[in-house]
Structure formats: structure tokens, C-alpha cells
Amino acid sequence: MLSLFTHLADIVAYEALALDKSSSLGTAVHFFIEDTTKIFFLLVVMIYLIGYGRTYISTEKVRAWLSGKSRFTGYVLAAILGAVTPFCSCSSVPLFIAFLSAGIPLGVTMAFLITSPIINEIAVVLLGEAIGIHFTISYVVIGLSLGILGGALVDYLKLQKWVEPFVWEIQVPVTQEAGISGWQARERSARREVIDIIKRVWLYVLLGVGLGAGLHGYVPREWFVANAGPDNHFAVPLAILAGIPLYANAAGVIPVAQVLLDKGVQIGTIMAFIMSIVAISLPELMILRRVLKPQMLFFFAGFLFVSFNVVGYLFNFFFGG
């Protein structure tokens, strides 16, 4: 079915605009039209379906599910909930406070915060289209595993002392939200979520696809192979360091990742780059600094930096070429 967007791009780029198929401009424009229309279609459909399902989940339900569980069960549930709930870095601070005030252990809370930015519906939809379903499943499993491992380490090392003292003093009342009931209300909620998310990511999609189109049409494959290919043994850490100062989300970076893969950059390097941007970007760290002391922030960023390196090198070793 997705071949429809290739045919649409053929019509617009090569018939309506009369661009040369073999030219850099024609290739770039075709890429931009095909990927833009395809990504927006996938986002609308998947966000609607996932948004409808999320009408059964509220912040209070998340807190209730995580409270009173065994430690390992808490890590697993927190990581899963971080993957399926619509919370991003902008909501990390109030969620951090709310979870701790409800008696949820710090490690369980950190498992949620680690997983939440790495895995979301946008990342899953776009990764599945860009690099294949098997790598997307691997990405999800890695994100969940890092959340569980990171949370367990926080509790094992007893890092509560590195949380800002005011966080422990805040008392947030636990109330039960009424939630959404009835298919019409759920449908309206899902539709609003589609509109809200598309409003927030449309520019990133256009910028990401635009950058990808430029790289696809004008930068030769040999340049990427020479600078970020298998012969550069430092490609993975350099990709992670390059991602930290960038401010983007999955909608903006994954279209670029598709081009990098086509140009010969190894899959592990690409995955490390994506995870770095969405999980340890400077904006994310600056937000978390409000509730975490510098030592905890250093641990958080250091743990993810080392983990992303391990993931990148392992994937390059097993799937590289």
C-alpha cells in the first residue's frame, strides 16, 4: 500500500514538475514528496489508534500501578508504561515529583524517565518504515532494557541523596481521575491527540525530511562511508556526542537516519545517534537539573552514553557491513 506514495512522488516530481530522474534535484524532490506524504499518513493513522487505546490510561492510574509492587516488577512496569504513555521531557519534572510523592521508589521512577523519551509511537512508526520491523523491535527491547537496568542501578547504588531535597518535601495528593468513557468521547480524545501531536511535530518532519532529501540527492555515498562507515572505529561515540547538543525528536531525526542507512552508515551507529538525541539532549538534561543534583545528572547521562556505545558497537558487529 505504501507504494502509493512512491507513485505520487513520481507524478509530482517527474511529470508535474518535469524534473530529471537522474539529477540531484529530481532525486531530492522525489525523496521529499514521497517521505513527507508517507510519514504524515503513518503518523495520523498510528497516533489515532494508539491515542484511542491511551484513553484507558491516566497519570493517576500509572501512579497506582507502580505503587506497592515488588522492586523488579516495578522496574518492568515502569519501563513498559514509559514506552506506551505520551509523556515527554517537558513533563518529566512534574511526573518525577508526583511519582516520588506517591511513594514510588527512585529507581522505578528513573526506569520510567529513561524509557519514556526513547520509545514512543512516533519512533516506532517511523523506525519501522525507515530501517525495518526487526530493527524496530530491537530498538524497543533495548529501550525497555535500559530503563530496567538504569532503575535497578539507581536503587542498588542508593542514589537518593543526589535528588534535590525539595523534591522529597513536596506532598502531591493522590486522587483518582474520572477518566474517559464512551466510544464517542474516546474518539474525540484520539482525534485531539492526532491534531496536538501533528501540530507539535510537523515542522520537525519537514525539516528532517528536507535534510534527508538534501543528503540523499547531493552528498555522495562515499563521503559517509569514509567518515562514518565501518572503517571509522570511533563513529559510534562521535555519533552520540553529535546528537547531545541537537534539539529534535524522532519525527525529525529518523528521516535522516533512513538516508544515513542508505548511504552506508552502519545500523549501530545510526541507532546510537537516534537514542542520543531523544534521551540525553541538552534540553532534556537542563529540565532534569531542576530536580536532580549534578552528580545524579552526570550518572544519568554517563549511564546512557556508555549504554548507547555498547548498543552501537554490538549492532555494528552483528549486523554491520
C-alpha atoms as a PDB file:
ATOM      1  CA  MET A   1       0.000   0.000   0.000  1.00  0.00           C
ATOM      2  CA  LEU A   2       2.873   2.370   0.771  1.00  0.00           C
ATOM      3  CA  SER A   3       3.964   2.141  -2.870  1.00  0.00           C
ATOM      4  CA  LEU A   4       1.123   4.614  -3.470  1.00  0.00           C
ATOM      5  CA  PHE A   5       3.365   7.363  -2.103  1.00  0.00           C
ATOM      6  CA  THR A   6       6.165   6.411  -4.497  1.00  0.00           C
ATOM      7  CA  HIS A   7       3.746   6.722  -7.422  1.00  0.00           C
ATOM      8  CA  LEU A   8       2.518  10.063  -6.068  1.00  0.00           C
ATOM      9  CA  ALA A   9       6.103  11.339  -5.869  1.00  0.00           C
ATOM     10  CA  ASP A  10       6.727  10.100  -9.433  1.00  0.00           C
ATOM     11  CA  ILE A  11       3.746  12.067 -10.702  1.00  0.00           C
ATOM     12  CA  VAL A  12       4.587  15.284  -8.869  1.00  0.00           C
ATOM     13  CA  ALA A  13       8.365  15.296  -9.323  1.00  0.00           C
ATOM     14  CA  TYR A  14       8.789  13.799 -12.774  1.00  0.00           C
ATOM     15  CA  GLU A  15       5.535  14.688 -14.529  1.00  0.00           C
ATOM     16  CA  ALA A  16       4.067  17.803 -12.901  1.00  0.00           C
ATOM     17  CA  LEU A  17       7.447  19.450 -12.188  1.00  0.00           C
ATOM     18  CA  ALA A  18       9.205  17.749 -15.132  1.00  0.00           C
ATOM     19  CA  LEU A  19      12.406  17.111 -13.153  1.00  0.00           C
ATOM     20  CA  ASP A  20      15.114  14.826 -14.469  1.00  0.00           C
ATOM     21  CA  LYS A  21      15.085  11.463 -12.666  1.00  0.00           C
ATOM     22  CA  SER A  22      18.869  11.236 -12.815  1.00  0.00           C
ATOM     23  CA  SER A  23      19.522  14.736 -11.457  1.00  0.00           C
ATOM     24  CA  SER A  24      20.339  15.536  -7.852  1.00  0.00           C
ATOM     25  CA  LEU A  25      17.406  17.947  -7.668  1.00  0.00           C
ATOM     26  CA  GLY A  26      14.964  15.422  -9.087  1.00  0.00           C
ATOM     27  CA  THR A  27      16.158  12.735  -6.668  1.00  0.00           C
ATOM     28  CA  ALA A  28      15.935  15.107  -3.688  1.00  0.00           C
ATOM     29  CA  VAL A  29      12.467  16.420  -4.560  1.00  0.00           C
ATOM     30  CA  HIS A  30      11.166  12.895  -5.167  1.00  0.00           C
ATOM     31  CA  PHE A  31      12.532  11.773  -1.784  1.00  0.00           C
ATOM     32  CA  PHE A  32      10.959  14.780  -0.029  1.00  0.00           C
ATOM     33  CA  ILE A  33       7.493  14.267  -1.528  1.00  0.00           C
ATOM     34  CA  GLU A  34       7.431  10.512  -1.009  1.00  0.00           C
ATOM     35  CA  ASP A  35       8.687  10.569   2.591  1.00  0.00           C
ATOM     36  CA  THR A  36       6.637  13.581   3.698  1.00  0.00           C
ATOM     37  CA  THR A  37       3.318  12.185   2.488  1.00  0.00           C
ATOM     38  CA  LYS A  38       4.115   8.693   3.750  1.00  0.00           C
ATOM     39  CA  ILE A  39       5.242   9.844   7.209  1.00  0.00           C
ATOM     40  CA  PHE A  40       2.213  12.078   7.783  1.00  0.00           C
ATOM     41  CA  PHE A  41      -0.129   9.286   6.691  1.00  0.00           C
ATOM     42  CA  LEU A  42       1.513   6.780   9.043  1.00  0.00           C
ATOM     43  CA  LEU A  43       1.562   9.265  11.916  1.00  0.00           C
ATOM     44  CA  VAL A  44      -2.115  10.141  11.601  1.00  0.00           C
ATOM     45  CA  VAL A  45      -3.223   6.510  11.462  1.00  0.00           C
ATOM     46  CA  MET A  46      -0.967   5.197  14.218  1.00  0.00           C
ATOM     47  CA  ILE A  47      -1.353   8.143  16.595  1.00  0.00           C
ATOM     48  CA  TYR A  48      -5.140   7.857  16.294  1.00  0.00           C
ATOM     49  CA  LEU A  49      -5.127   4.133  17.089  1.00  0.00           C
ATOM     50  CA  ILE A  50      -2.647   4.462  19.942  1.00  0.00           C
ATOM     51  CA  GLY A  51      -4.373   7.590  21.236  1.00  0.00           C
ATOM     52  CA  TYR A  52      -7.687   5.748  21.366  1.00  0.00           C
ATOM     53  CA  GLY A  53      -6.084   2.995  23.402  1.00  0.00           C
ATOM     54  CA  ARG A  54      -4.460   5.519  25.723  1.00  0.00           C
ATOM     55  CA  THR A  55      -7.834   6.912  26.746  1.00  0.00           C
ATOM     56  CA  TYR A  56      -7.875   3.996  29.183  1.00  0.00           C
ATOM     57  CA  ILE A  57      -4.676   5.287  30.870  1.00  0.00           C
ATOM     58  CA  SER A  58      -4.349   8.299  33.181  1.00  0.00           C
ATOM     59  CA  THR A  59      -1.478   9.701  35.245  1.00  0.00           C
ATOM     60  CA  GLU A  60      -3.204   8.561  38.425  1.00  0.00           C
ATOM     61  CA  LYS A  61      -3.606   5.048  37.065  1.00  0.00           C
ATOM     62  CA  VAL A  62       0.099   4.989  36.229  1.00  0.00           C
ATOM     63  CA  ARG A  63       0.945   6.006  39.777  1.00  0.00           C
ATOM     64  CA  ALA A  64      -1.458   3.414  41.197  1.00  0.00           C
ATOM     65  CA  TRP A  65       0.001   0.629  39.052  1.00  0.00           C
ATOM     66  CA  LEU A  66       3.549   1.455  40.111  1.00  0.00           C
ATOM     67  CA  SER A  67       2.817   1.797  43.817  1.00  0.00           C
ATOM     68  CA  GLY A  68       3.135  -1.207  46.113  1.00  0.00           C
ATOM     69  CA  LYS A  69       4.738  -3.531  43.555  1.00  0.00           C
ATOM     70  CA  SER A  70       7.878  -5.602  44.117  1.00  0.00           C
ATOM     71  CA  ARG A  71      11.032  -3.798  43.059  1.00  0.00           C
ATOM     72  CA  PHE A  72      11.717  -5.815  39.887  1.00  0.00           C
ATOM     73  CA  THR A  73       8.064  -5.778  38.868  1.00  0.00           C
ATOM     74  CA  GLY A  74       8.114  -2.033  39.396  1.00  0.00           C
ATOM     75  CA  TYR A  75      11.079  -1.615  37.053  1.00  0.00           C
ATOM     76  CA  VAL A  76       9.414  -3.670  34.329  1.00  0.00           C
ATOM     77  CA  LEU A  77       6.040  -1.936  34.662  1.00  0.00           C
ATOM     78  CA  ALA A  78       7.668   1.498  34.766  1.00  0.00           C
ATOM     79  CA  ALA A  79       9.642   0.797  31.589  1.00  0.00           C
ATOM     80  CA  ILE A  80       6.560  -0.524  29.775  1.00  0.00           C
ATOM     81  CA  LEU A  81       4.439   2.413  30.904  1.00  0.00           C
ATOM     82  CA  GLY A  82       7.192   4.806  29.840  1.00  0.00           C
ATOM     83  CA  ALA A  83       7.002   3.290  26.369  1.00  0.00           C
ATOM     84  CA  VAL A  84       3.220   3.468  25.935  1.00  0.00           C
ATOM     85  CA  THR A  85       2.333   6.712  27.716  1.00  0.00           C
ATOM     86  CA  PRO A  86       2.510  10.128  25.986  1.00  0.00           C
ATOM     87  CA  PHE A  87       4.924  11.806  28.396  1.00  0.00           C
ATOM     88  CA  CYS A  88       7.989  13.627  27.079  1.00  0.00           C
ATOM     89  CA  SER A  89      10.825  15.676  28.554  1.00  0.00           C
ATOM     90  CA  CYS A  90       8.554  18.688  29.088  1.00  0.00           C
ATOM     91  CA  SER A  91       6.503  16.687  31.596  1.00  0.00           C
ATOM     92  CA  SER A  92       9.420  14.846  33.204  1.00  0.00           C
ATOM     93  CA  VAL A  93       9.808  17.141  36.210  1.00  0.00           C
ATOM     94  CA  PRO A  94       6.168  17.125  37.427  1.00  0.00           C
ATOM     95  CA  LEU A  95       5.973  13.367  36.829  1.00  0.00           C
ATOM     96  CA  PHE A  96       9.227  12.840  38.722  1.00  0.00           C
ATOM     97  CA  ILE A  97       7.841  14.735  41.709  1.00  0.00           C
ATOM     98  CA  ALA A  98       4.424  13.078  41.519  1.00  0.00           C
ATOM     99  CA  PHE A  99       5.840   9.553  41.403  1.00  0.00           C
ATOM    100  CA  LEU A 100       8.202  10.065  44.343  1.00  0.00           C
ATOM    101  CA  SER A 101       5.494  11.779  46.408  1.00  0.00           C
ATOM    102  CA  ALA A 102       3.251   8.740  45.838  1.00  0.00           C
ATOM    103  CA  GLY A 103       5.889   6.517  47.455  1.00  0.00           C
ATOM    104  CA  ILE A 104       7.237   5.033  44.227  1.00  0.00           C
ATOM    105  CA  PRO A 105      10.956   4.203  44.646  1.00  0.00           C
ATOM    106  CA  LEU A 106      13.508   6.399  42.906  1.00  0.00           C
ATOM    107  CA  GLY A 107      14.802   3.528  40.763  1.00  0.00           C
ATOM    108  CA  VAL A 108      11.314   2.724  39.467  1.00  0.00           C
ATOM    109  CA  THR A 109      10.768   6.406  38.689  1.00  0.00           C
ATOM    110  CA  MET A 110      14.079   6.582  36.827  1.00  0.00           C
ATOM    111  CA  ALA A 111      13.163   3.457  34.814  1.00  0.00           C
ATOM    112  CA  PHE A 112      10.090   5.336  33.615  1.00  0.00           C
ATOM    113  CA  LEU A 113      12.030   8.516  32.790  1.00  0.00           C
ATOM    114  CA  ILE A 114      14.751   6.658  30.889  1.00  0.00           C
ATOM    115  CA  THR A 115      12.328   4.689  28.733  1.00  0.00           C
ATOM    116  CA  SER A 116       9.745   7.388  28.045  1.00  0.00           C
ATOM    117  CA  PRO A 117      11.759   9.607  25.650  1.00  0.00           C
ATOM    118  CA  ILE A 118      13.453   6.676  23.893  1.00  0.00           C
ATOM    119  CA  ILE A 119      10.258   4.824  22.940  1.00  0.00           C
ATOM    120  CA  ASN A 120       7.087   6.458  21.671  1.00  0.00           C
ATOM    121  CA  GLU A 121       4.612   5.912  18.877  1.00  0.00           C
ATOM    122  CA  ILE A 122       6.420   8.301  16.539  1.00  0.00           C
ATOM    123  CA  ALA A 123       9.731   6.475  16.933  1.00  0.00           C
ATOM    124  CA  VAL A 124       8.103   3.075  16.416  1.00  0.00           C
ATOM    125  CA  VAL A 125       6.134   4.136  13.326  1.00  0.00           C
ATOM    126  CA  LEU A 126       8.989   5.935  11.612  1.00  0.00           C
ATOM    127  CA  LEU A 127      11.668   3.399  12.528  1.00  0.00           C
ATOM    128  CA  GLY A 128       9.538   0.579  11.192  1.00  0.00           C
ATOM    129  CA  GLU A 129       9.304   2.343   7.865  1.00  0.00           C
ATOM    130  CA  ALA A 130      12.900   3.593   7.758  1.00  0.00           C
ATOM    131  CA  ILE A 131      15.018   0.648   8.902  1.00  0.00           C
ATOM    132  CA  GLY A 132      12.686  -2.340   9.107  1.00  0.00           C
ATOM    133  CA  ILE A 133      10.483  -4.014  11.663  1.00  0.00           C
ATOM    134  CA  HIS A 134      13.163  -6.347  13.086  1.00  0.00           C
ATOM    135  CA  PHE A 135      15.460  -3.457  13.971  1.00  0.00           C
ATOM    136  CA  THR A 136      12.498  -1.520  15.353  1.00  0.00           C
ATOM    137  CA  ILE A 137      11.663  -4.413  17.677  1.00  0.00           C
ATOM    138  CA  SER A 138      15.312  -4.493  18.744  1.00  0.00           C
ATOM    139  CA  TYR A 139      15.194  -0.750  19.411  1.00  0.00           C
ATOM    140  CA  VAL A 140      12.109  -1.151  21.626  1.00  0.00           C
ATOM    141  CA  VAL A 141      13.633  -4.071  23.542  1.00  0.00           C
ATOM    142  CA  ILE A 142      16.832  -2.093  24.083  1.00  0.00           C
ATOM    143  CA  GLY A 143      14.923   0.936  25.324  1.00  0.00           C
ATOM    144  CA  LEU A 144      12.952  -1.181  27.807  1.00  0.00           C
ATOM    145  CA  SER A 145      16.102  -2.990  28.963  1.00  0.00           C
ATOM    146  CA  LEU A 146      17.998   0.250  29.533  1.00  0.00           C
ATOM    147  CA  GLY A 147      15.125   1.602  31.611  1.00  0.00           C
ATOM    148  CA  ILE A 148      15.025  -1.527  33.789  1.00  0.00           C
ATOM    149  CA  LEU A 149      18.815  -1.671  34.179  1.00  0.00           C
ATOM    150  CA  GLY A 150      19.137   2.054  34.886  1.00  0.00           C
ATOM    151  CA  GLY A 151      16.414   1.968  37.514  1.00  0.00           C
ATOM    152  CA  ALA A 152      17.946  -1.075  39.217  1.00  0.00           C
ATOM    153  CA  LEU A 153      21.368   0.606  39.315  1.00  0.00           C
ATOM    154  CA  VAL A 154      19.934   3.755  40.885  1.00  0.00           C
ATOM    155  CA  ASP A 155      18.395   1.733  43.714  1.00  0.00           C
ATOM    156  CA  TYR A 156      21.401  -0.589  44.100  1.00  0.00           C
ATOM    157  CA  LEU A 157      23.793   2.369  44.428  1.00  0.00           C
ATOM    158  CA  LYS A 158      21.338   4.185  46.738  1.00  0.00           C
ATOM    159  CA  LEU A 159      21.469   7.461  44.817  1.00  0.00           C
ATOM    160  CA  GLN A 160      18.527   9.092  46.615  1.00  0.00           C
ATOM    161  CA  LYS A 161      20.971  11.580  48.116  1.00  0.00           C
ATOM    162  CA  TRP A 162      21.521  13.030  44.647  1.00  0.00           C
ATOM    163  CA  VAL A 163      17.934  14.160  44.268  1.00  0.00           C
ATOM    164  CA  GLU A 164      17.276  17.800  45.158  1.00  0.00           C
ATOM    165  CA  PRO A 165      15.988  17.921  48.788  1.00  0.00           C
ATOM    166  CA  PHE A 166      12.857  19.937  47.977  1.00  0.00           C
ATOM    167  CA  VAL A 167      11.503  17.041  45.910  1.00  0.00           C
ATOM    168  CA  TRP A 168      11.116  14.840  48.987  1.00  0.00           C
ATOM    169  CA  GLU A 169       9.290  17.611  50.845  1.00  0.00           C
ATOM    170  CA  ILE A 170       6.536  18.120  48.271  1.00  0.00           C
ATOM    171  CA  GLN A 171       3.281  16.379  49.030  1.00  0.00           C
ATOM    172  CA  VAL A 172       1.137  15.756  45.964  1.00  0.00           C
ATOM    173  CA  PRO A 173      -2.334  14.485  46.781  1.00  0.00           C
ATOM    174  CA  VAL A 174      -3.271  11.221  45.124  1.00  0.00           C
ATOM    175  CA  THR A 175      -6.693  11.492  43.521  1.00  0.00           C
ATOM    176  CA  GLN A 176      -8.488   9.176  41.180  1.00  0.00           C
ATOM    177  CA  GLU A 177      -9.246  10.741  37.812  1.00  0.00           C
ATOM    178  CA  ALA A 178     -12.630  10.051  36.320  1.00  0.00           C
ATOM    179  CA  GLY A 179     -11.025   9.125  33.006  1.00  0.00           C
ATOM    180  CA  ILE A 180     -12.708   8.950  29.610  1.00  0.00           C
ATOM    181  CA  SER A 181     -15.652   6.677  28.953  1.00  0.00           C
ATOM    182  CA  GLY A 182     -17.816   6.035  25.936  1.00  0.00           C
ATOM    183  CA  TRP A 183     -16.594   5.455  22.387  1.00  0.00           C
ATOM    184  CA  GLN A 184     -17.553   8.946  21.220  1.00  0.00           C
ATOM    185  CA  ALA A 185     -15.506  10.616  23.969  1.00  0.00           C
ATOM    186  CA  ARG A 186     -12.594   8.266  23.283  1.00  0.00           C
ATOM    187  CA  GLU A 187     -12.814   9.002  19.562  1.00  0.00           C
ATOM    188  CA  ARG A 188     -12.758  12.755  20.192  1.00  0.00           C
ATOM    189  CA  SER A 189      -9.797  12.342  22.523  1.00  0.00           C
ATOM    190  CA  ALA A 190      -7.887  10.284  19.946  1.00  0.00           C
ATOM    191  CA  ARG A 191      -8.660  12.879  17.265  1.00  0.00           C
ATOM    192  CA  ARG A 192      -7.437  15.692  19.535  1.00  0.00           C
ATOM    193  CA  GLU A 193      -4.238  13.753  20.213  1.00  0.00           C
ATOM    194  CA  VAL A 194      -3.617  13.393  16.478  1.00  0.00           C
ATOM    195  CA  ILE A 195      -4.096  17.135  15.962  1.00  0.00           C
ATOM    196  CA  ASP A 196      -1.987  18.021  19.012  1.00  0.00           C
ATOM    197  CA  ILE A 197       0.948  15.779  18.091  1.00  0.00           C
ATOM    198  CA  ILE A 198       0.891  16.732  14.407  1.00  0.00           C
ATOM    199  CA  LYS A 199       0.946  20.417  15.413  1.00  0.00           C
ATOM    200  CA  ARG A 200       3.998  19.745  17.574  1.00  0.00           C
ATOM    201  CA  VAL A 201       5.972  17.636  15.102  1.00  0.00           C
ATOM    202  CA  TRP A 202       5.028  18.814  11.592  1.00  0.00           C
ATOM    203  CA  LEU A 203       7.919  21.259  11.411  1.00  0.00           C
ATOM    204  CA  TYR A 204      10.386  18.610  12.614  1.00  0.00           C
ATOM    205  CA  VAL A 205       9.071  16.243   9.963  1.00  0.00           C
ATOM    206  CA  LEU A 206       9.537  18.805   7.195  1.00  0.00           C
ATOM    207  CA  LEU A 207      12.993  19.810   8.439  1.00  0.00           C
ATOM    208  CA  GLY A 208      14.084  16.217   8.936  1.00  0.00           C
ATOM    209  CA  VAL A 209      12.820  15.037   5.560  1.00  0.00           C
ATOM    210  CA  GLY A 210      14.221  18.166   3.936  1.00  0.00           C
ATOM    211  CA  LEU A 211      17.665  17.499   5.401  1.00  0.00           C
ATOM    212  CA  GLY A 212      17.367  13.854   4.424  1.00  0.00           C
ATOM    213  CA  ALA A 213      16.387  14.818   0.885  1.00  0.00           C
ATOM    214  CA  GLY A 214      19.411  17.092   0.598  1.00  0.00           C
ATOM    215  CA  LEU A 215      21.756  14.389   1.865  1.00  0.00           C
ATOM    216  CA  HIS A 216      20.101  11.814  -0.380  1.00  0.00           C
ATOM    217  CA  GLY A 217      20.363  13.897  -3.516  1.00  0.00           C
ATOM    218  CA  TYR A 218      23.584  15.857  -3.117  1.00  0.00           C
ATOM    219  CA  VAL A 219      26.013  14.099  -0.721  1.00  0.00           C
ATOM    220  CA  PRO A 220      27.755  11.089  -2.279  1.00  0.00           C
ATOM    221  CA  ARG A 221      27.676   7.739  -0.521  1.00  0.00           C
ATOM    222  CA  GLU A 222      31.466   7.609  -0.485  1.00  0.00           C
ATOM    223  CA  TRP A 223      31.644  10.586   1.887  1.00  0.00           C
ATOM    224  CA  PHE A 224      29.525   8.840   4.521  1.00  0.00           C
ATOM    225  CA  VAL A 225      31.390   5.560   4.154  1.00  0.00           C
ATOM    226  CA  ALA A 226      34.711   7.355   4.621  1.00  0.00           C
ATOM    227  CA  ASN A 227      33.632   9.405   7.663  1.00  0.00           C
ATOM    228  CA  ALA A 228      31.029   7.279   9.450  1.00  0.00           C
ATOM    229  CA  GLY A 229      31.383   3.867   7.879  1.00  0.00           C
ATOM    230  CA  PRO A 230      32.849   0.643   9.264  1.00  0.00           C
ATOM    231  CA  ASP A 231      36.452   1.859   8.853  1.00  0.00           C
ATOM    232  CA  ASN A 232      35.928   4.641  11.394  1.00  0.00           C
ATOM    233  CA  HIS A 233      36.218   2.861  14.740  1.00  0.00           C
ATOM    234  CA  PHE A 234      35.114   5.980  16.619  1.00  0.00           C
ATOM    235  CA  ALA A 235      31.929   6.500  14.599  1.00  0.00           C
ATOM    236  CA  VAL A 236      29.621   5.351  17.420  1.00  0.00           C
ATOM    237  CA  PRO A 237      30.841   7.678  20.216  1.00  0.00           C
ATOM    238  CA  LEU A 238      31.170  10.542  17.736  1.00  0.00           C
ATOM    239  CA  ALA A 239      27.555   9.986  16.645  1.00  0.00           C
ATOM    240  CA  ILE A 240      26.413  10.068  20.278  1.00  0.00           C
ATOM    241  CA  LEU A 241      28.371  13.243  21.009  1.00  0.00           C
ATOM    242  CA  ALA A 242      26.957  14.821  17.845  1.00  0.00           C
ATOM    243  CA  GLY A 243      23.421  14.027  18.993  1.00  0.00           C
ATOM    244  CA  ILE A 244      23.666  15.502  22.510  1.00  0.00           C
ATOM    245  CA  PRO A 245      23.578  19.211  21.566  1.00  0.00           C
ATOM    246  CA  LEU A 246      20.825  18.725  18.986  1.00  0.00           C
ATOM    247  CA  TYR A 247      17.219  19.575  19.807  1.00  0.00           C
ATOM    248  CA  ALA A 248      14.959  17.248  17.875  1.00  0.00           C
ATOM    249  CA  ASN A 249      12.597  14.364  18.316  1.00  0.00           C
ATOM    250  CA  ALA A 250      12.030  11.130  16.446  1.00  0.00           C
ATOM    251  CA  ALA A 251       9.958  12.861  13.789  1.00  0.00           C
ATOM    252  CA  GLY A 252      12.921  14.973  12.786  1.00  0.00           C
ATOM    253  CA  VAL A 253      15.844  12.598  13.179  1.00  0.00           C
ATOM    254  CA  ILE A 254      14.535   9.283  11.827  1.00  0.00           C
ATOM    255  CA  PRO A 255      14.081  10.507   8.213  1.00  0.00           C
ATOM    256  CA  VAL A 256      17.763  11.468   8.358  1.00  0.00           C
ATOM    257  CA  ALA A 257      18.577   8.035   9.778  1.00  0.00           C
ATOM    258  CA  GLN A 258      16.975   6.418   6.742  1.00  0.00           C
ATOM    259  CA  VAL A 259      19.297   8.337   4.448  1.00  0.00           C
ATOM    260  CA  LEU A 260      22.340   7.520   6.585  1.00  0.00           C
ATOM    261  CA  LEU A 261      21.485   3.832   6.304  1.00  0.00           C
ATOM    262  CA  ASP A 262      21.121   4.108   2.513  1.00  0.00           C
ATOM    263  CA  LYS A 263      24.460   5.922   2.351  1.00  0.00           C
ATOM    264  CA  GLY A 264      26.360   3.123   4.096  1.00  0.00           C
ATOM    265  CA  VAL A 265      26.417   4.227   7.750  1.00  0.00           C
ATOM    266  CA  GLN A 266      26.183   1.168   9.990  1.00  0.00           C
ATOM    267  CA  ILE A 267      22.934   0.437  11.802  1.00  0.00           C
ATOM    268  CA  GLY A 268      24.501   0.516  15.276  1.00  0.00           C
ATOM    269  CA  THR A 269      25.941   3.980  14.683  1.00  0.00           C
ATOM    270  CA  ILE A 270      22.549   5.200  13.491  1.00  0.00           C
ATOM    271  CA  MET A 271      20.685   3.738  16.482  1.00  0.00           C
ATOM    272  CA  ALA A 272      23.182   5.285  18.909  1.00  0.00           C
ATOM    273  CA  PHE A 273      22.716   8.648  17.175  1.00  0.00           C
ATOM    274  CA  ILE A 274      18.917   8.460  17.422  1.00  0.00           C
ATOM    275  CA  MET A 275      18.905   7.429  21.089  1.00  0.00           C
ATOM    276  CA  SER A 276      21.390  10.154  21.981  1.00  0.00           C
ATOM    277  CA  ILE A 277      19.201  12.889  20.507  1.00  0.00           C
ATOM    278  CA  VAL A 278      15.965  11.746  22.112  1.00  0.00           C
ATOM    279  CA  ALA A 279      17.316  10.691  25.534  1.00  0.00           C
ATOM    280  CA  ILE A 280      20.341  12.789  26.546  1.00  0.00           C
ATOM    281  CA  SER A 281      19.953  16.014  24.597  1.00  0.00           C
ATOM    282  CA  LEU A 282      20.925  19.228  26.356  1.00  0.00           C
ATOM    283  CA  PRO A 283      17.294  20.422  26.710  1.00  0.00           C
ATOM    284  CA  GLU A 284      16.395  17.152  28.443  1.00  0.00           C
ATOM    285  CA  LEU A 285      19.346  17.469  30.833  1.00  0.00           C
ATOM    286  CA  MET A 286      18.566  21.097  31.568  1.00  0.00           C
ATOM    287  CA  ILE A 287      14.985  20.212  32.503  1.00  0.00           C
ATOM    288  CA  LEU A 288      16.052  17.335  34.747  1.00  0.00           C
ATOM    289  CA  ARG A 289      18.584  19.573  36.506  1.00  0.00           C
ATOM    290  CA  ARG A 290      15.655  21.194  38.325  1.00  0.00           C
ATOM    291  CA  VAL A 291      15.124  18.015  40.368  1.00  0.00           C
ATOM    292  CA  LEU A 292      18.471  16.209  40.139  1.00  0.00           C
ATOM    293  CA  LYS A 293      21.790  17.246  41.639  1.00  0.00           C
ATOM    294  CA  PRO A 294      24.756  17.474  39.230  1.00  0.00           C
ATOM    295  CA  GLN A 295      26.092  14.095  40.427  1.00  0.00           C
ATOM    296  CA  MET A 296      22.817  12.364  39.528  1.00  0.00           C
ATOM    297  CA  LEU A 297      22.637  14.159  36.214  1.00  0.00           C
ATOM    298  CA  PHE A 298      26.192  13.038  35.454  1.00  0.00           C
ATOM    299  CA  PHE A 299      25.276   9.451  36.375  1.00  0.00           C
ATOM    300  CA  PHE A 300      22.135   9.623  34.192  1.00  0.00           C
ATOM    301  CA  ALA A 301      23.994  10.970  31.144  1.00  0.00           C
ATOM    302  CA  GLY A 302      27.035   8.745  31.725  1.00  0.00           C
ATOM    303  CA  PHE A 303      24.958   5.583  32.046  1.00  0.00           C
ATOM    304  CA  LEU A 304      23.131   6.320  28.798  1.00  0.00           C
ATOM    305  CA  PHE A 305      26.330   7.359  26.983  1.00  0.00           C
ATOM    306  CA  VAL A 306      28.067   4.093  27.900  1.00  0.00           C
ATOM    307  CA  SER A 307      24.923   2.060  27.131  1.00  0.00           C
ATOM    308  CA  PHE A 308      24.448   3.657  23.722  1.00  0.00           C
ATOM    309  CA  ASN A 309      28.084   2.937  22.879  1.00  0.00           C
ATOM    310  CA  VAL A 310      27.655  -0.717  23.832  1.00  0.00           C
ATOM    311  CA  VAL A 311      24.448  -0.960  21.788  1.00  0.00           C
ATOM    312  CA  GLY A 312      26.046   0.760  18.795  1.00  0.00           C
ATOM    313  CA  TYR A 313      29.155  -1.406  18.710  1.00  0.00           C
ATOM    314  CA  LEU A 314      27.205  -4.628  19.268  1.00  0.00           C
ATOM    315  CA  PHE A 315      24.805  -3.861  16.451  1.00  0.00           C
ATOM    316  CA  ASN A 316      27.656  -2.894  14.151  1.00  0.00           C
ATOM    317  CA  PHE A 317      29.434  -6.143  14.995  1.00  0.00           C
ATOM    318  CA  PHE A 318      26.427  -8.407  14.407  1.00  0.00           C
ATOM    319  CA  PHE A 319      24.624  -6.508  11.639  1.00  0.00           C
ATOM    320  CA  GLY A 320      27.288  -4.207  10.219  1.00  0.00           C
ATOM    321  CA  GLY A 321      28.677  -4.200   6.744  1.00  0.00           C
END
